[in-house]
Amino acid sequence: TIERERERTGQAPEWKSIYSDADGFDVLSVVDATDLSRLRIE
């Protein structure tokens, strides 16, 4: 997912689950290359 999101958005996603399992999702990305709203991915 990290690799796919980096290719899809051109942004570096955050791998949240390796730091904590309390966030309720694993990867924090963005909606797309033009919309930088935060996208939570489980």
Full PDB file with SEQRES, HELIX, SHEET, SSBOND, CRYST1, ORIGX, SCALE, CONECT and MASTER records, all heavy atoms in Angstrom:
SEQRES   1 A   42  THR ILE GLU ARG GLU ARG GLU ARG THR GLY GLN ALA PRO          
SEQRES   2 A   42  GLU TRP LYS SER ILE TYR SER ASP ALA ASP GLY PHE ASP          
SEQRES   3 A   42  VAL LEU SER VAL VAL ASP ALA THR ASP LEU SER ARG LEU          
SEQRES   4 A   42  ARG ILE GLU                                                  
HELIX    1 AA1 ILE A    2  THR A    9  1                                   8    
HELIX    2 AA2 LYS A   16  ILE A   18  5                                   3    
SHEET    1 AA1 3 GLU A  14  TRP A  15  0                                        
SHEET    2 AA1 3 VAL A  27  VAL A  30 -1                                        
SHEET    3 AA1 3 ARG A  38  ILE A  41 -1                                        
CRYST1    1.000    1.000    1.000  90.00  90.00  90.00 P 1           1          
ORIGX1      1.000000  0.000000  0.000000        0.00000                         
ORIGX2      0.000000  1.000000  0.000000        0.00000                         
ORIGX3      0.000000  0.000000  1.000000        0.00000                         
SCALE1      1.000000  0.000000  0.000000        0.00000                         
SCALE2      0.000000  1.000000  0.000000        0.00000                         
SCALE3      0.000000  0.000000  1.000000        0.00000                         
ATOM      1  N   THR A   1       0.832  -1.205   0.000  1.00  0.00           N  
ATOM      2  CA  THR A   1       0.000   0.000   0.000  1.00  0.00           C  
ATOM      3  C   THR A   1       0.864   1.252   0.000  1.00  0.00           C  
ATOM      4  O   THR A   1       0.574   2.226  -0.725  1.00  0.00           O  
ATOM      5  CB  THR A   1      -0.936  -0.004   1.225  1.00  0.00           C  
ATOM      6  OG1 THR A   1      -1.969  -0.985   1.020  1.00  0.00           O  
ATOM      7  CG2 THR A   1      -1.593   1.357   1.430  1.00  0.00           C  
ATOM      8  N   ILE A   2       1.931   1.256   0.787  1.00  0.00           N  
ATOM      9  CA  ILE A   2       2.852   2.402   0.809  1.00  0.00           C  
ATOM     10  C   ILE A   2       3.396   2.666  -0.592  1.00  0.00           C  
ATOM     11  O   ILE A   2       3.403   3.812  -1.075  1.00  0.00           O  
ATOM     12  CB  ILE A   2       4.016   2.133   1.791  1.00  0.00           C  
ATOM     13  CG1 ILE A   2       3.520   2.106   3.243  1.00  0.00           C  
ATOM     14  CG2 ILE A   2       5.131   3.168   1.610  1.00  0.00           C  
ATOM     15  CD1 ILE A   2       3.150   3.452   3.798  1.00  0.00           C  
ATOM     16  N   GLU A   3       3.844   1.611  -1.271  1.00  0.00           N  
ATOM     17  CA  GLU A   3       4.411   1.763  -2.611  1.00  0.00           C  
ATOM     18  C   GLU A   3       3.350   2.247  -3.605  1.00  0.00           C  
ATOM     19  O   GLU A   3       3.616   3.125  -4.435  1.00  0.00           O  
ATOM     20  CB  GLU A   3       4.989   0.429  -3.068  1.00  0.00           C  
ATOM     21  CG  GLU A   3       6.187  -0.036  -2.239  1.00  0.00           C  
ATOM     22  CD  GLU A   3       6.617  -1.448  -2.578  1.00  0.00           C  
ATOM     23  OE1 GLU A   3       5.948  -2.078  -3.430  1.00  0.00           O  
ATOM     24  OE2 GLU A   3       7.617  -1.917  -2.000  1.00  0.00           O  
ATOM     25  N   ARG A   4       2.153   1.684  -3.498  1.00  0.00           N  
ATOM     26  CA  ARG A   4       1.085   2.077  -4.423  1.00  0.00           C  
ATOM     27  C   ARG A   4       0.687   3.527  -4.222  1.00  0.00           C  
ATOM     28  O   ARG A   4       0.496   4.274  -5.193  1.00  0.00           O  
ATOM     29  CB  ARG A   4      -0.134   1.176  -4.219  1.00  0.00           C  
ATOM     30  CG  ARG A   4      -1.301   1.532  -5.141  1.00  0.00           C  
ATOM     31  CD  ARG A   4      -2.523   0.683  -4.833  1.00  0.00           C  
ATOM     32  NE  ARG A   4      -3.582   0.922  -5.795  1.00  0.00           N  
ATOM     33  CZ  ARG A   4      -4.471   1.898  -5.717  1.00  0.00           C  
ATOM     34  NH1 ARG A   4      -4.401   2.756  -4.697  1.00  0.00           N  
ATOM     35  NH2 ARG A   4      -5.416   2.040  -6.621  1.00  0.00           N  
ATOM     36  N   GLU A   5       0.536   3.945  -2.968  1.00  0.00           N  
ATOM     37  CA  GLU A   5       0.117   5.312  -2.697  1.00  0.00           C  
ATOM     38  C   GLU A   5       1.184   6.320  -3.132  1.00  0.00           C  
ATOM     39  O   GLU A   5       0.861   7.408  -3.627  1.00  0.00           O  
ATOM     40  CB  GLU A   5      -0.193   5.478  -1.209  1.00  0.00           C  
ATOM     41  CG  GLU A   5      -1.477   4.796  -0.782  1.00  0.00           C  
ATOM     42  CD  GLU A   5      -2.678   5.304  -1.570  1.00  0.00           C  
ATOM     43  OE1 GLU A   5      -3.018   6.504  -1.434  1.00  0.00           O  
ATOM     44  OE2 GLU A   5      -3.245   4.517  -2.343  1.00  0.00           O  
ATOM     45  N   ARG A   6       2.439   5.974  -2.975  1.00  0.00           N  
ATOM     46  CA  ARG A   6       3.508   6.867  -3.414  1.00  0.00           C  
ATOM     47  C   ARG A   6       3.442   7.059  -4.933  1.00  0.00           C  
ATOM     48  O   ARG A   6       3.575   8.177  -5.438  1.00  0.00           O  
ATOM     49  CB  ARG A   6       4.872   6.304  -3.008  1.00  0.00           C  
ATOM     50  CG  ARG A   6       6.029   7.221  -3.376  1.00  0.00           C  
ATOM     51  CD  ARG A   6       7.356   6.638  -2.960  1.00  0.00           C  
ATOM     52  NE  ARG A   6       7.522   6.665  -1.515  1.00  0.00           N  
ATOM     53  CZ  ARG A   6       7.547   5.592  -0.741  1.00  0.00           C  
ATOM     54  NH1 ARG A   6       7.418   4.389  -1.282  1.00  0.00           N  
ATOM     55  NH2 ARG A   6       7.705   5.702   0.565  1.00  0.00           N  
ATOM     56  N   GLU A   7       3.199   5.969  -5.663  1.00  0.00           N  
ATOM     57  CA  GLU A   7       3.093   6.054  -7.115  1.00  0.00           C  
ATOM     58  C   GLU A   7       1.807   6.767  -7.538  1.00  0.00           C  
ATOM     59  O   GLU A   7       1.799   7.554  -8.496  1.00  0.00           O  
ATOM     60  CB  GLU A   7       3.128   4.656  -7.727  1.00  0.00           C  
ATOM     61  CG  GLU A   7       4.459   3.936  -7.532  1.00  0.00           C  
ATOM     62  CD  GLU A   7       4.416   2.520  -8.070  1.00  0.00           C  
ATOM     63  OE1 GLU A   7       3.344   2.116  -8.573  1.00  0.00           O  
ATOM     64  OE2 GLU A   7       5.439   1.816  -7.975  1.00  0.00           O  
ATOM     65  N   ARG A   8       0.715   6.511  -6.820  1.00  0.00           N  
ATOM     66  CA  ARG A   8      -0.591   7.065  -7.207  1.00  0.00           C  
ATOM     67  C   ARG A   8      -0.680   8.562  -6.967  1.00  0.00           C  
ATOM     68  O   ARG A   8      -1.282   9.293  -7.770  1.00  0.00           O  
ATOM     69  CB  ARG A   8      -1.694   6.337  -6.416  1.00  0.00           C  
ATOM     70  CG  ARG A   8      -3.123   6.739  -6.809  1.00  0.00           C  
ATOM     71  CD  ARG A   8      -4.143   6.033  -5.937  1.00  0.00           C  
ATOM     72  NE  ARG A   8      -4.128   6.525  -4.558  1.00  0.00           N  
ATOM     73  CZ  ARG A   8      -4.792   7.598  -4.136  1.00  0.00           C  
ATOM     74  NH1 ARG A   8      -5.524   8.312  -4.985  1.00  0.00           N  
ATOM     75  NH2 ARG A   8      -4.723   7.963  -2.860  1.00  0.00           N  
ATOM     76  N   THR A   9      -0.091   9.030  -5.872  1.00  0.00           N  
ATOM     77  CA  THR A   9      -0.287  10.430  -5.481  1.00  0.00           C  
ATOM     78  C   THR A   9       0.939  11.308  -5.685  1.00  0.00           C  
ATOM     79  O   THR A   9       0.818  12.529  -5.687  1.00  0.00           O  
ATOM     80  CB  THR A   9      -0.670  10.508  -3.992  1.00  0.00           C  
ATOM     81  OG1 THR A   9       0.448  10.090  -3.192  1.00  0.00           O  
ATOM     82  CG2 THR A   9      -1.872   9.617  -3.690  1.00  0.00           C  
ATOM     83  N   GLY A  10       2.111  10.691  -5.821  1.00  0.00           N  
ATOM     84  CA  GLY A  10       3.330  11.480  -5.896  1.00  0.00           C  
ATOM     85  C   GLY A  10       3.759  12.028  -4.546  1.00  0.00           C  
ATOM     86  O   GLY A  10       4.699  12.829  -4.457  1.00  0.00           O  
ATOM     87  N   GLN A  11       3.077  11.585  -3.481  1.00  0.00           N  
ATOM     88  CA  GLN A  11       3.387  12.010  -2.121  1.00  0.00           C  
ATOM     89  C   GLN A  11       3.907  10.819  -1.315  1.00  0.00           C  
ATOM     90  O   GLN A  11       3.634   9.668  -1.646  1.00  0.00           O  
ATOM     91  CB  GLN A  11       2.137  12.583  -1.439  1.00  0.00           C  
ATOM     92  CG  GLN A  11       1.481  13.738  -2.185  1.00  0.00           C  
ATOM     93  CD  GLN A  11       2.312  15.005  -2.119  1.00  0.00           C  
ATOM     94  OE1 GLN A  11       2.934  15.294  -1.082  1.00  0.00           O  
ATOM     95  NE2 GLN A  11       2.341  15.760  -3.200  1.00  0.00           N  
ATOM     96  N   ALA A  12       4.642  11.098  -0.255  1.00  0.00           N  
ATOM     97  CA  ALA A  12       5.142  10.040   0.613  1.00  0.00           C  
ATOM     98  C   ALA A  12       4.132   9.784   1.723  1.00  0.00           C  
ATOM     99  O   ALA A  12       3.942  10.644   2.600  1.00  0.00           O  
ATOM    100  CB  ALA A  12       6.492  10.432   1.211  1.00  0.00           C  
ATOM    101  N   PRO A  13       3.461   8.637   1.713  1.00  0.00           N  
ATOM    102  CA  PRO A  13       2.484   8.345   2.772  1.00  0.00           C  
ATOM    103  C   PRO A  13       3.176   8.041   4.098  1.00  0.00           C  
ATOM    104  O   PRO A  13       4.365   7.706   4.135  1.00  0.00           O  
ATOM    105  CB  PRO A  13       1.740   7.125   2.234  1.00  0.00           C  
ATOM    106  CG  PRO A  13       2.733   6.460   1.332  1.00  0.00           C  
ATOM    107  CD  PRO A  13       3.567   7.548   0.733  1.00  0.00           C  
ATOM    108  N   GLU A  14       2.421   8.150   5.174  1.00  0.00           N  
ATOM    109  CA  GLU A  14       2.942   7.846   6.507  1.00  0.00           C  
ATOM    110  C   GLU A  14       2.512   6.437   6.912  1.00  0.00           C  
ATOM    111  O   GLU A  14       1.331   6.099   6.843  1.00  0.00           O  
ATOM    112  CB  GLU A  14       2.404   8.848   7.535  1.00  0.00           C  
ATOM    113  CG  GLU A  14       2.817  10.286   7.274  1.00  0.00           C  
ATOM    114  CD  GLU A  14       2.228  11.229   8.315  1.00  0.00           C  
ATOM    115  OE1 GLU A  14       2.162  10.821   9.502  1.00  0.00           O  
ATOM    116  OE2 GLU A  14       1.822  12.335   7.934  1.00  0.00           O  
ATOM    117  N   TRP A  15       3.475   5.645   7.347  1.00  0.00           N  
ATOM    118  CA  TRP A  15       3.199   4.271   7.768  1.00  0.00           C  
ATOM    119  C   TRP A  15       2.888   4.311   9.261  1.00  0.00           C  
ATOM    120  O   TRP A  15       3.735   4.090  10.115  1.00  0.00           O  
ATOM    121  CB  TRP A  15       4.409   3.404   7.480  1.00  0.00           C  
ATOM    122  CG  TRP A  15       4.137   1.928   7.499  1.00  0.00           C  
ATOM    123  CD1 TRP A  15       3.053   1.297   8.004  1.00  0.00           C  
ATOM    124  CD2 TRP A  15       5.002   0.905   6.989  1.00  0.00           C  
ATOM    125  NE1 TRP A  15       3.162  -0.064   7.853  1.00  0.00           N  
ATOM    126  CE2 TRP A  15       4.351  -0.325   7.225  1.00  0.00           C  
ATOM    127  CE3 TRP A  15       6.250   0.905   6.373  1.00  0.00           C  
ATOM    128  CZ2 TRP A  15       4.924  -1.543   6.850  1.00  0.00           C  
ATOM    129  CZ3 TRP A  15       6.810  -0.309   6.001  1.00  0.00           C  
ATOM    130  CH2 TRP A  15       6.155  -1.515   6.226  1.00  0.00           C  
ATOM    131  N   LYS A  16       1.641   4.556   9.607  1.00  0.00           N  
ATOM    132  CA  LYS A  16       1.257   4.821  10.987  1.00  0.00           C  
ATOM    133  C   LYS A  16       1.334   3.580  11.884  1.00  0.00           C  
ATOM    134  O   LYS A  16       1.685   3.676  13.046  1.00  0.00           O  
ATOM    135  CB  LYS A  16      -0.165   5.380  11.033  1.00  0.00           C  
ATOM    136  CG  LYS A  16      -0.378   6.639  10.187  1.00  0.00           C  
ATOM    137  CD  LYS A  16       0.378   7.828  10.746  1.00  0.00           C  
ATOM    138  CE  LYS A  16      -0.273   8.367  11.991  1.00  0.00           C  
ATOM    139  NZ  LYS A  16       0.348   9.625  12.437  1.00  0.00           N  
ATOM    140  N   SER A  17       0.996   2.406  11.342  1.00  0.00           N  
ATOM    141  CA  SER A  17       0.851   1.225  12.186  1.00  0.00           C  
ATOM    142  C   SER A  17       2.162   0.717  12.769  1.00  0.00           C  
ATOM    143  O   SER A  17       2.154  -0.043  13.736  1.00  0.00           O  
ATOM    144  CB  SER A  17       0.185   0.087  11.394  1.00  0.00           C  
ATOM    145  OG  SER A  17       1.004  -0.306  10.313  1.00  0.00           O  
ATOM    146  N   ILE A  18       3.304   1.102  12.185  1.00  0.00           N  
ATOM    147  CA  ILE A  18       4.568   0.632  12.749  1.00  0.00           C  
ATOM    148  C   ILE A  18       4.948   1.428  13.996  1.00  0.00           C  
ATOM    149  O   ILE A  18       5.864   1.052  14.720  1.00  0.00           O  
ATOM    150  CB  ILE A  18       5.719   0.671  11.722  1.00  0.00           C  
ATOM    151  CG1 ILE A  18       5.998   2.097  11.266  1.00  0.00           C  
ATOM    152  CG2 ILE A  18       5.404  -0.227  10.537  1.00  0.00           C  
ATOM    153  CD1 ILE A  18       7.221   2.207  10.364  1.00  0.00           C  
ATOM    154  N   TYR A  19       4.236   2.530  14.250  1.00  0.00           N  
ATOM    155  CA  TYR A  19       4.489   3.329  15.448  1.00  0.00           C  
ATOM    156  C   TYR A  19       3.440   3.104  16.525  1.00  0.00           C  
ATOM    157  O   TYR A  19       3.734   3.158  17.717  1.00  0.00           O  
ATOM    158  CB  TYR A  19       4.548   4.819  15.084  1.00  0.00           C  
ATOM    159  CG  TYR A  19       5.673   5.152  14.139  1.00  0.00           C  
ATOM    160  CD1 TYR A  19       5.428   5.364  12.788  1.00  0.00           C  
ATOM    161  CD2 TYR A  19       6.985   5.233  14.585  1.00  0.00           C  
ATOM    162  CE1 TYR A  19       6.463   5.658  11.916  1.00  0.00           C  
ATOM    163  CE2 TYR A  19       8.030   5.533  13.719  1.00  0.00           C  
ATOM    164  CZ  TYR A  19       7.763   5.741  12.382  1.00  0.00           C  
ATOM    165  OH  TYR A  19       8.775   6.017  11.512  1.00  0.00           O  
ATOM    166  N   SER A  20       2.194   2.849  16.089  1.00  0.00           N  
ATOM    167  CA  SER A  20       1.123   2.655  17.062  1.00  0.00           C  
ATOM    168  C   SER A  20      -0.051   1.961  16.387  1.00  0.00           C  
ATOM    169  O   SER A  20      -0.305   2.176  15.188  1.00  0.00           O  
ATOM    170  CB  SER A  20       0.671   4.003  17.636  1.00  0.00           C  
ATOM    171  OG  SER A  20      -0.495   3.856  18.425  1.00  0.00           O  
ATOM    172  N   ASP A  21      -0.774   1.136  17.154  1.00  0.00           N  
ATOM    173  CA  ASP A  21      -1.976   0.495  16.629  1.00  0.00           C  
ATOM    174  C   ASP A  21      -3.235   1.188  17.145  1.00  0.00           C  
ATOM    175  O   ASP A  21      -4.337   0.666  17.014  1.00  0.00           O  
ATOM    176  CB  ASP A  21      -2.006  -0.983  17.002  1.00  0.00           C  
ATOM    177  CG  ASP A  21      -2.047  -1.207  18.510  1.00  0.00           C  
ATOM    178  OD1 ASP A  21      -1.983  -0.222  19.272  1.00  0.00           O  
ATOM    179  OD2 ASP A  21      -2.130  -2.382  18.928  1.00  0.00           O  
ATOM    180  N   ALA A  22      -3.060   2.382  17.713  1.00  0.00           N  
ATOM    181  CA  ALA A  22      -4.188   3.076  18.342  1.00  0.00           C  
ATOM    182  C   ALA A  22      -4.907   4.029  17.394  1.00  0.00           C  
ATOM    183  O   ALA A  22      -5.965   4.553  17.729  1.00  0.00           O  
ATOM    184  CB  ALA A  22      -3.707   3.857  19.566  1.00  0.00           C  
ATOM    185  N   ASP A  23      -4.336   4.269  16.200  1.00  0.00           N  
ATOM    186  CA  ASP A  23      -4.918   5.272  15.305  1.00  0.00           C  
ATOM    187  C   ASP A  23      -6.189   4.800  14.621  1.00  0.00           C  
ATOM    188  O   ASP A  23      -7.003   5.609  14.194  1.00  0.00           O  
ATOM    189  CB  ASP A  23      -3.899   5.688  14.250  1.00  0.00           C  
ATOM    190  CG  ASP A  23      -2.734   6.465  14.836  1.00  0.00           C  
ATOM    191  OD1 ASP A  23      -2.995   7.418  15.591  1.00  0.00           O  
ATOM    192  OD2 ASP A  23      -1.577   6.123  14.539  1.00  0.00           O  
ATOM    193  N   GLY A  24      -6.344   3.473  14.479  1.00  0.00           N  
ATOM    194  CA  GLY A  24      -7.526   2.962  13.798  1.00  0.00           C  
ATOM    195  C   GLY A  24      -7.351   2.862  12.296  1.00  0.00           C  
ATOM    196  O   GLY A  24      -8.320   2.626  11.574  1.00  0.00           O  
ATOM    197  N   PHE A  25      -6.128   3.011  11.804  1.00  0.00           N  
ATOM    198  CA  PHE A  25      -5.809   2.803  10.391  1.00  0.00           C  
ATOM    199  C   PHE A  25      -4.308   2.588  10.300  1.00  0.00           C  
ATOM    200  O   PHE A  25      -3.564   2.853  11.238  1.00  0.00           O  
ATOM    201  CB  PHE A  25      -6.257   3.997   9.532  1.00  0.00           C  
ATOM    202  CG  PHE A  25      -5.714   5.329   9.988  1.00  0.00           C  
ATOM    203  CD1 PHE A  25      -4.515   5.825   9.488  1.00  0.00           C  
ATOM    204  CD2 PHE A  25      -6.402   6.095  10.926  1.00  0.00           C  
ATOM    205  CE1 PHE A  25      -3.999   7.039   9.922  1.00  0.00           C  
ATOM    206  CE2 PHE A  25      -5.897   7.315  11.355  1.00  0.00           C  
ATOM    207  CZ  PHE A  25      -4.698   7.795  10.860  1.00  0.00           C  
ATOM    208  N   ASP A  26      -3.851   2.091   9.138  1.00  0.00           N  
ATOM    209  CA  ASP A  26      -2.449   1.699   8.996  1.00  0.00           C  
ATOM    210  C   ASP A  26      -1.593   2.711   8.247  1.00  0.00           C  
ATOM    211  O   ASP A  26      -0.423   2.890   8.567  1.00  0.00           O  
ATOM    212  CB  ASP A  26      -2.364   0.352   8.269  1.00  0.00           C  
ATOM    213  CG  ASP A  26      -3.028  -0.765   9.051  1.00  0.00           C  
ATOM    214  OD1 ASP A  26      -2.753  -0.877  10.258  1.00  0.00           O  
ATOM    215  OD2 ASP A  26      -3.832  -1.512   8.462  1.00  0.00           O  
ATOM    216  N   VAL A  27      -2.173   3.335   7.242  1.00  0.00           N  
ATOM    217  CA  VAL A  27      -1.414   4.236   6.370  1.00  0.00           C  
ATOM    218  C   VAL A  27      -2.178   5.549   6.211  1.00  0.00           C  
ATOM    219  O   VAL A  27      -3.399   5.555   6.016  1.00  0.00           O  
ATOM    220  CB  VAL A  27      -1.180   3.600   4.978  1.00  0.00           C  
ATOM    221  CG1 VAL A  27      -0.499   4.594   4.035  1.00  0.00           C  
ATOM    222  CG2 VAL A  27      -0.358   2.317   5.110  1.00  0.00           C  
ATOM    223  N   LEU A  28      -1.450   6.651   6.310  1.00  0.00           N  
ATOM    224  CA  LEU A  28      -2.045   7.972   6.105  1.00  0.00           C  
ATOM    225  C   LEU A  28      -1.516   8.518   4.791  1.00  0.00           C  
ATOM    226  O   LEU A  28      -0.327   8.797   4.651  1.00  0.00           O  
ATOM    227  CB  LEU A  28      -1.698   8.908   7.249  1.00  0.00           C  
ATOM    228  CG  LEU A  28      -2.376  10.281   7.251  1.00  0.00           C  
ATOM    229  CD1 LEU A  28      -3.904  10.128   7.327  1.00  0.00           C  
ATOM    230  CD2 LEU A  28      -1.878  11.125   8.417  1.00  0.00           C  
ATOM    231  N   SER A  29      -2.409   8.664   3.818  1.00  0.00           N  
ATOM    232  CA  SER A  29      -2.037   9.139   2.484  1.00  0.00           C  
ATOM    233  C   SER A  29      -2.823  10.407   2.180  1.00  0.00           C  
ATOM    234  O   SER A  29      -3.281  11.096   3.104  1.00  0.00           O  
ATOM    235  CB  SER A  29      -2.318   8.036   1.446  1.00  0.00           C  
ATOM    236  OG  SER A  29      -1.861   8.398   0.164  1.00  0.00           O  
ATOM    237  N   VAL A  30      -2.971  10.725   0.911  1.00  0.00           N  
ATOM    238  CA  VAL A  30      -3.804  11.850   0.484  1.00  0.00           C  
ATOM    239  C   VAL A  30      -4.794  11.348  -0.551  1.00  0.00           C  
ATOM    240  O   VAL A  30      -4.608  10.285  -1.148  1.00  0.00           O  
ATOM    241  CB  VAL A  30      -2.955  13.004  -0.091  1.00  0.00           C  
ATOM    242  CG1 VAL A  30      -2.060  13.601   0.978  1.00  0.00           C  
ATOM    243  CG2 VAL A  30      -2.140  12.541  -1.292  1.00  0.00           C  
ATOM    244  N   VAL A  31      -5.866  12.120  -0.766  1.00  0.00           N  
ATOM    245  CA  VAL A  31      -6.933  11.679  -1.660  1.00  0.00           C  
ATOM    246  C   VAL A  31      -6.397  11.435  -3.064  1.00  0.00           C  
ATOM    247  O   VAL A  31      -6.628  10.393  -3.672  1.00  0.00           O  
ATOM    248  CB  VAL A  31      -8.082  12.700  -1.671  1.00  0.00           C  
ATOM    249  CG1 VAL A  31      -9.107  12.348  -2.750  1.00  0.00           C  
ATOM    250  CG2 VAL A  31      -8.749  12.735  -0.290  1.00  0.00           C  
ATOM    251  N   ASP A  32      -5.654  12.389  -3.623  1.00  0.00           N  
ATOM    252  CA  ASP A  32      -4.995  12.196  -4.921  1.00  0.00           C  
ATOM    253  C   ASP A  32      -3.963  13.299  -5.113  1.00  0.00           C  
ATOM    254  O   ASP A  32      -3.727  14.115  -4.205  1.00  0.00           O  
ATOM    255  CB  ASP A  32      -6.006  12.163  -6.082  1.00  0.00           C  
ATOM    256  CG  ASP A  32      -6.882  13.401  -6.169  1.00  0.00           C  
ATOM    257  OD1 ASP A  32      -6.342  14.528  -6.027  1.00  0.00           O  
ATOM    258  OD2 ASP A  32      -8.096  13.262  -6.377  1.00  0.00           O  
ATOM    259  N   ALA A  33      -3.361  13.325  -6.281  1.00  0.00           N  
ATOM    260  CA  ALA A  33      -2.261  14.262  -6.532  1.00  0.00           C  
ATOM    261  C   ALA A  33      -2.712  15.715  -6.490  1.00  0.00           C  
ATOM    262  O   ALA A  33      -1.907  16.613  -6.226  1.00  0.00           O  
ATOM    263  CB  ALA A  33      -1.607  13.955  -7.882  1.00  0.00           C  
ATOM    264  N   THR A  34      -4.005  15.966  -6.722  1.00  0.00           N  
ATOM    265  CA  THR A  34      -4.507  17.343  -6.730  1.00  0.00           C  
ATOM    266  C   THR A  34      -5.275  17.706  -5.476  1.00  0.00           C  
ATOM    267  O   THR A  34      -5.483  18.877  -5.182  1.00  0.00           O  
ATOM    268  CB  THR A  34      -5.417  17.567  -7.957  1.00  0.00           C  
ATOM    269  OG1 THR A  34      -6.524  16.659  -7.904  1.00  0.00           O  
ATOM    270  CG2 THR A  34      -4.641  17.335  -9.247  1.00  0.00           C  
ATOM    271  N   ASP A  35      -5.715  16.695  -4.738  1.00  0.00           N  
ATOM    272  CA  ASP A  35      -6.446  16.912  -3.490  1.00  0.00           C  
ATOM    273  C   ASP A  35      -5.613  16.336  -2.351  1.00  0.00           C  
ATOM    274  O   ASP A  35      -5.516  15.119  -2.183  1.00  0.00           O  
ATOM    275  CB  ASP A  35      -7.812  16.221  -3.559  1.00  0.00           C  
ATOM    276  CG  ASP A  35      -8.661  16.482  -2.308  1.00  0.00           C  
ATOM    277  OD1 ASP A  35      -8.131  17.049  -1.333  1.00  0.00           O  
ATOM    278  OD2 ASP A  35      -9.849  16.097  -2.311  1.00  0.00           O  
ATOM    279  N   LEU A  36      -5.019  17.220  -1.565  1.00  0.00           N  
ATOM    280  CA  LEU A  36      -4.110  16.770  -0.507  1.00  0.00           C  
ATOM    281  C   LEU A  36      -4.813  16.538   0.835  1.00  0.00           C  
ATOM    282  O   LEU A  36      -4.166  16.464   1.875  1.00  0.00           O  
ATOM    283  CB  LEU A  36      -2.979  17.787  -0.341  1.00  0.00           C  
ATOM    284  CG  LEU A  36      -2.113  18.018  -1.592  1.00  0.00           C  
ATOM    285  CD1 LEU A  36      -0.963  18.952  -1.286  1.00  0.00           C  
ATOM    286  CD2 LEU A  36      -1.605  16.696  -2.158  1.00  0.00           C  
ATOM    287  N   SER A  37      -6.139  16.393   0.789  1.00  0.00           N  
ATOM    288  CA  SER A  37      -6.876  16.016   2.002  1.00  0.00           C  
ATOM    289  C   SER A  37      -6.372  14.658   2.480  1.00  0.00           C  
ATOM    290  O   SER A  37      -6.084  13.762   1.673  1.00  0.00           O  
ATOM    291  CB  SER A  37      -8.386  15.936   1.721  1.00  0.00           C  
ATOM    292  OG  SER A  37      -8.872  17.172   1.248  1.00  0.00           O  
ATOM    293  N   ARG A  38      -6.264  14.517   3.782  1.00  0.00           N  
ATOM    294  CA  ARG A  38      -5.695  13.295   4.334  1.00  0.00           C  
ATOM    295  C   ARG A  38      -6.632  12.103   4.146  1.00  0.00           C  
ATOM    296  O   ARG A  38      -7.830  12.178   4.447  1.00  0.00           O  
ATOM    297  CB  ARG A  38      -5.397  13.472   5.820  1.00  0.00           C  
ATOM    298  CG  ARG A  38      -4.517  14.655   6.124  1.00  0.00           C  
ATOM    299  CD  ARG A  38      -3.192  14.582   5.396  1.00  0.00           C  
ATOM    300  NE  ARG A  38      -2.132  14.047   6.239  1.00  0.00           N  
ATOM    301  CZ  ARG A  38      -0.941  13.673   5.772  1.00  0.00           C  
ATOM    302  NH1 ARG A  38      -0.685  13.737   4.484  1.00  0.00           N  
ATOM    303  NH2 ARG A  38      -0.024  13.213   6.604  1.00  0.00           N  
ATOM    304  N   LEU A  39      -6.072  11.014   3.642  1.00  0.00           N  
ATOM    305  CA  LEU A  39      -6.820   9.783   3.403  1.00  0.00           C  
ATOM    306  C   LEU A  39      -6.300   8.687   4.328  1.00  0.00           C  
ATOM    307  O   LEU A  39      -5.116   8.351   4.308  1.00  0.00           O  
ATOM    308  CB  LEU A  39      -6.659   9.337   1.943  1.00  0.00           C  
ATOM    309  CG  LEU A  39      -7.266   7.974   1.580  1.00  0.00           C  
ATOM    310  CD1 LEU A  39      -8.793   8.022   1.712  1.00  0.00           C  
ATOM    311  CD2 LEU A  39      -6.851   7.555   0.168  1.00  0.00           C  
ATOM    312  N   ARG A  40      -7.200   8.152   5.139  1.00  0.00           N  
ATOM    313  CA  ARG A  40      -6.842   7.077   6.058  1.00  0.00           C  
ATOM    314  C   ARG A  40      -7.098   5.732   5.388  1.00  0.00           C  
ATOM    315  O   ARG A  40      -8.174   5.522   4.825  1.00  0.00           O  
ATOM    316  CB  ARG A  40      -7.657   7.211   7.355  1.00  0.00           C  
ATOM    317  CG  ARG A  40      -7.295   8.462   8.159  1.00  0.00           C  
ATOM    318  CD  ARG A  40      -8.438   8.988   8.980  1.00  0.00           C  
ATOM    319  NE  ARG A  40      -8.039  10.169   9.729  1.00  0.00           N  
ATOM    320  CZ  ARG A  40      -7.943  11.406   9.208  1.00  0.00           C  
ATOM    321  NH1 ARG A  40      -8.230  11.616   7.923  1.00  0.00           N  
ATOM    322  NH2 ARG A  40      -7.559  12.420   9.957  1.00  0.00           N  
ATOM    323  N   ILE A  41      -6.095   4.851   5.471  1.00  0.00           N  
ATOM    324  CA  ILE A  41      -6.200   3.554   4.798  1.00  0.00           C  
ATOM    325  C   ILE A  41      -5.963   2.436   5.807  1.00  0.00           C  
ATOM    326  O   ILE A  41      -4.921   2.389   6.463  1.00  0.00           O  
ATOM    327  CB  ILE A  41      -5.180   3.425   3.649  1.00  0.00           C  
ATOM    328  CG1 ILE A  41      -5.332   4.584   2.652  1.00  0.00           C  
ATOM    329  CG2 ILE A  41      -5.362   2.082   2.932  1.00  0.00           C  
ATOM    330  CD1 ILE A  41      -4.268   4.585   1.563  1.00  0.00           C  
ATOM    331  N   GLU A  42      -6.933   1.559   5.944  1.00  0.00           N  
ATOM    332  CA  GLU A  42      -6.771   0.353   6.739  1.00  0.00           C  
ATOM    333  C   GLU A  42      -6.435  -0.794   5.788  1.00  0.00           C  
ATOM    334  O   GLU A  42      -7.153  -1.040   4.813  1.00  0.00           O  
ATOM    335  CB  GLU A  42      -8.058   0.037   7.509  1.00  0.00           C  
ATOM    336  CG  GLU A  42      -8.017  -1.235   8.324  1.00  0.00           C  
ATOM    337  CD  GLU A  42      -6.924  -1.230   9.385  1.00  0.00           C  
ATOM    338  OE1 GLU A  42      -6.540  -0.146   9.869  1.00  0.00           O  
ATOM    339  OE2 GLU A  42      -6.443  -2.332   9.747  1.00  0.00           O  
TER     340      GLU A  42                                                      
MASTER        0    0    0    2    3    0    0    6  339    1    0    4          
END                                                                             
